[in-house]
Amino acid sequence: MIQIFTDGAASGNPGPGGYGVILRSGSHYKELSEGFRLTTNNRMELMAVCVGLESLKKINQEVTIFSDSKYVIDAVEKKWVFGWMNKGFAGKKNKDLWLRFLQSYKLHQVKFVWVKGHAGHPENERCDELAVLASKSKMLKIDSVFEMENQKPKLL
């Protein structure tokens, strides 16, 4: 079984943000993180899950994802995301990331476990640390979909 621990962070919401991921299976352990110059906490929470699932090399794996994001967990466990998909994500944020998530999600046997954030859970604390450090990096990437969707039109 594969365990994926995830967390996202954004300062300003929107603002600089990042995600942190820990992948663990048996004796294998890997940490992943990345920062973005302008994004939201929910996008980074969801991005962490996407990156974790996309990192798996084989399909049809038993995966448990540990997250402190009710946004992500409830959307999947309560099957809201499937209803959103059927309605073309009308009025919903983060369509790009939800579609990305669904591509990887369908390849595996995934279950979610909610963990309370900032409550001493070692892997969640480490993912938070990775996410915050990534958000403060000097080399922040561009969350292009978010920035394009949230650009203010320039007056001529």
Protein backbone atom coordinates (compact mmCIF):
# COMPACT_ATOMS: atom_id res chain seq x y z
CA MET A 1 0.00 0.00 0.00
CA ILE A 2 1.12 3.53 -0.78
CA GLN A 3 0.64 6.43 1.60
CA ILE A 4 0.54 9.99 0.32
CA PHE A 5 0.60 12.88 2.78
CA THR A 6 -0.25 16.32 1.41
CA ASP A 7 -0.58 19.95 2.40
CA GLY A 8 -0.92 23.28 0.69
CA ALA A 9 -0.28 26.84 1.80
CA ALA A 10 -0.85 30.34 0.50
CA SER A 11 0.08 33.63 2.09
CA GLY A 12 -2.57 36.21 1.31
CA ASN A 13 -4.96 33.74 -0.32
CA PRO A 14 -4.46 34.67 -3.12
CA GLY A 15 -0.78 35.20 -2.74
CA PRO A 16 2.45 33.26 -2.92
CA GLY A 17 1.76 29.60 -2.24
CA GLY A 18 3.18 26.13 -2.28
CA TYR A 19 2.48 22.48 -1.71
CA GLY A 20 4.24 19.69 0.11
CA VAL A 21 3.91 15.96 -0.51
CA ILE A 22 5.35 12.88 1.16
CA LEU A 23 5.15 9.55 -0.65
CA ARG A 24 5.74 6.45 1.46
CA SER A 25 5.60 2.77 0.59
CA GLY A 26 7.51 0.22 2.62
CA SER A 27 11.07 1.51 2.90
CA HIS A 28 10.57 4.03 0.06
CA TYR A 29 10.18 7.68 1.08
CA LYS A 30 10.10 10.77 -1.12
CA GLU A 31 9.33 14.43 -0.50
CA LEU A 32 8.05 16.80 -3.20
CA SER A 33 7.29 20.51 -3.07
CA GLU A 34 6.93 23.50 -5.34
CA GLY A 35 6.03 27.17 -4.95
CA PHE A 36 3.91 29.53 -7.03
CA ARG A 37 3.91 33.32 -7.13
CA LEU A 38 0.11 33.79 -7.03
CA THR A 39 -2.37 31.10 -6.05
CA THR A 40 -4.79 30.04 -3.28
CA ASN A 41 -4.67 27.63 -0.40
CA ASN A 42 -7.36 25.39 -1.93
CA ARG A 43 -5.46 25.22 -5.23
CA MET A 44 -2.29 24.19 -3.41
CA GLU A 45 -4.14 21.57 -1.33
CA LEU A 46 -5.56 20.08 -4.53
CA MET A 47 -2.28 20.46 -6.44
CA ALA A 48 -0.50 18.46 -3.72
CA VAL A 49 -2.92 15.57 -4.18
CA CYS A 50 -2.54 15.74 -7.99
CA VAL A 51 1.25 15.71 -7.81
CA GLY A 52 1.23 12.84 -5.31
CA LEU A 53 -0.98 10.67 -7.51
CA GLU A 54 0.88 11.61 -10.68
CA SER A 55 4.14 10.50 -9.05
CA LEU A 56 3.01 6.88 -8.90
CA LYS A 57 4.78 4.77 -11.49
CA LYS A 58 2.32 1.84 -11.69
CA ILE A 59 -1.45 1.93 -12.16
CA ASN A 60 -4.12 0.31 -10.00
CA GLN A 61 -2.26 0.93 -6.75
CA GLU A 62 -3.92 0.92 -3.34
CA VAL A 63 -3.38 4.48 -2.16
CA THR A 64 -4.30 6.24 1.05
CA ILE A 65 -4.09 10.02 0.92
CA PHE A 66 -3.77 11.87 4.21
CA SER A 67 -4.84 15.51 4.01
CA ASP A 68 -6.06 18.27 6.29
CA SER A 69 -8.15 19.74 3.46
CA LYS A 70 -11.88 19.32 3.93
CA TYR A 71 -12.23 21.06 0.54
CA VAL A 72 -10.49 18.18 -1.25
CA ILE A 73 -11.64 15.28 0.90
CA ASP A 74 -15.31 16.26 1.05
CA ALA A 75 -15.45 16.97 -2.69
CA VAL A 76 -14.27 13.43 -3.41
CA GLU A 77 -15.68 11.39 -0.53
CA LYS A 78 -19.13 13.04 -0.77
CA LYS A 79 -18.90 12.66 -4.57
CA TRP A 80 -19.51 16.36 -5.23
CA VAL A 81 -16.69 16.51 -7.79
CA PHE A 82 -18.46 13.94 -9.99
CA GLY A 83 -21.61 16.06 -10.02
CA TRP A 84 -19.53 19.15 -10.80
CA MET A 85 -17.91 17.28 -13.67
CA ASN A 86 -21.29 16.24 -15.09
CA LYS A 87 -22.32 19.92 -15.05
CA GLY A 88 -19.07 21.07 -16.67
CA PHE A 89 -17.87 22.57 -13.38
CA ALA A 90 -20.31 25.45 -13.92
CA GLY A 91 -19.69 28.06 -11.23
CA LYS A 92 -16.96 25.98 -9.58
CA LYS A 93 -13.38 27.05 -9.01
CA ASN A 94 -10.26 25.08 -9.89
CA LYS A 95 -11.76 23.17 -12.82
CA ASP A 96 -8.28 22.65 -14.29
CA LEU A 97 -6.98 20.98 -11.15
CA TRP A 98 -10.12 18.91 -10.58
CA LEU A 99 -9.84 17.54 -14.13
CA ARG A 100 -6.16 16.84 -13.54
CA PHE A 101 -7.01 15.09 -10.26
CA LEU A 102 -9.69 12.93 -11.88
CA GLN A 103 -7.24 11.71 -14.55
CA SER A 104 -4.93 10.23 -11.89
CA TYR A 105 -7.64 9.29 -9.40
CA LYS A 106 -9.33 6.90 -11.83
CA LEU A 107 -6.08 4.96 -12.31
CA HIS A 108 -5.85 3.83 -8.68
CA GLN A 109 -7.82 2.57 -5.69
CA VAL A 110 -7.79 5.73 -3.60
CA LYS A 111 -9.10 6.40 -0.14
CA PHE A 112 -8.78 9.60 1.85
CA VAL A 113 -8.06 10.10 5.53
CA TRP A 114 -8.58 13.50 7.09
CA VAL A 115 -5.98 14.64 9.60
CA LYS A 116 -6.30 17.72 11.74
CA GLY A 117 -3.87 20.37 10.55
CA HIS A 118 -1.31 21.88 12.91
CA ALA A 119 -2.08 19.24 15.52
CA GLY A 120 1.25 17.45 15.74
CA HIS A 121 0.73 14.82 13.02
CA PRO A 122 4.39 14.34 11.95
CA GLU A 123 3.86 13.90 8.21
CA ASN A 124 1.25 16.65 8.02
CA GLU A 125 3.59 19.00 9.89
CA ARG A 126 6.41 18.12 7.48
CA CYS A 127 4.17 18.69 4.44
CA ASP A 128 3.14 22.05 5.87
CA GLU A 129 6.80 22.94 6.36
CA LEU A 130 7.58 21.91 2.75
CA ALA A 131 4.61 23.94 1.43
CA VAL A 132 5.52 27.08 3.36
CA LEU A 133 9.20 26.84 2.42
CA ALA A 134 8.24 26.38 -1.24
CA SER A 135 5.95 29.43 -1.09
CA LYS A 136 8.90 31.51 0.11
CA SER A 137 11.29 30.28 -2.58
CA LYS A 138 13.10 32.76 -4.80
CA MET A 139 12.11 30.69 -7.85
CA LEU A 140 8.31 30.68 -7.76
CA LYS A 141 6.49 29.17 -10.72
CA ILE A 142 3.46 30.75 -12.38
CA ASP A 143 0.07 29.19 -11.66
CA SER A 144 -0.92 30.25 -15.16
CA VAL A 145 -4.55 29.10 -15.14
CA PHE A 146 -5.24 30.89 -11.86
CA GLU A 147 -3.49 34.06 -12.98
CA MET A 148 -5.26 34.11 -16.36
CA GLU A 149 -8.68 33.53 -14.79
CA ASN A 150 -8.10 36.26 -12.20
CA GLN A 151 -6.53 38.98 -14.33
CA LYS A 152 -8.22 42.30 -14.11
CA PRO A 153 -8.98 43.65 -17.58
CA LYS A 154 -6.81 46.62 -18.45
CA LEU A 155 -8.57 49.82 -19.41
CA LEU A 156 -7.51 51.32 -22.73
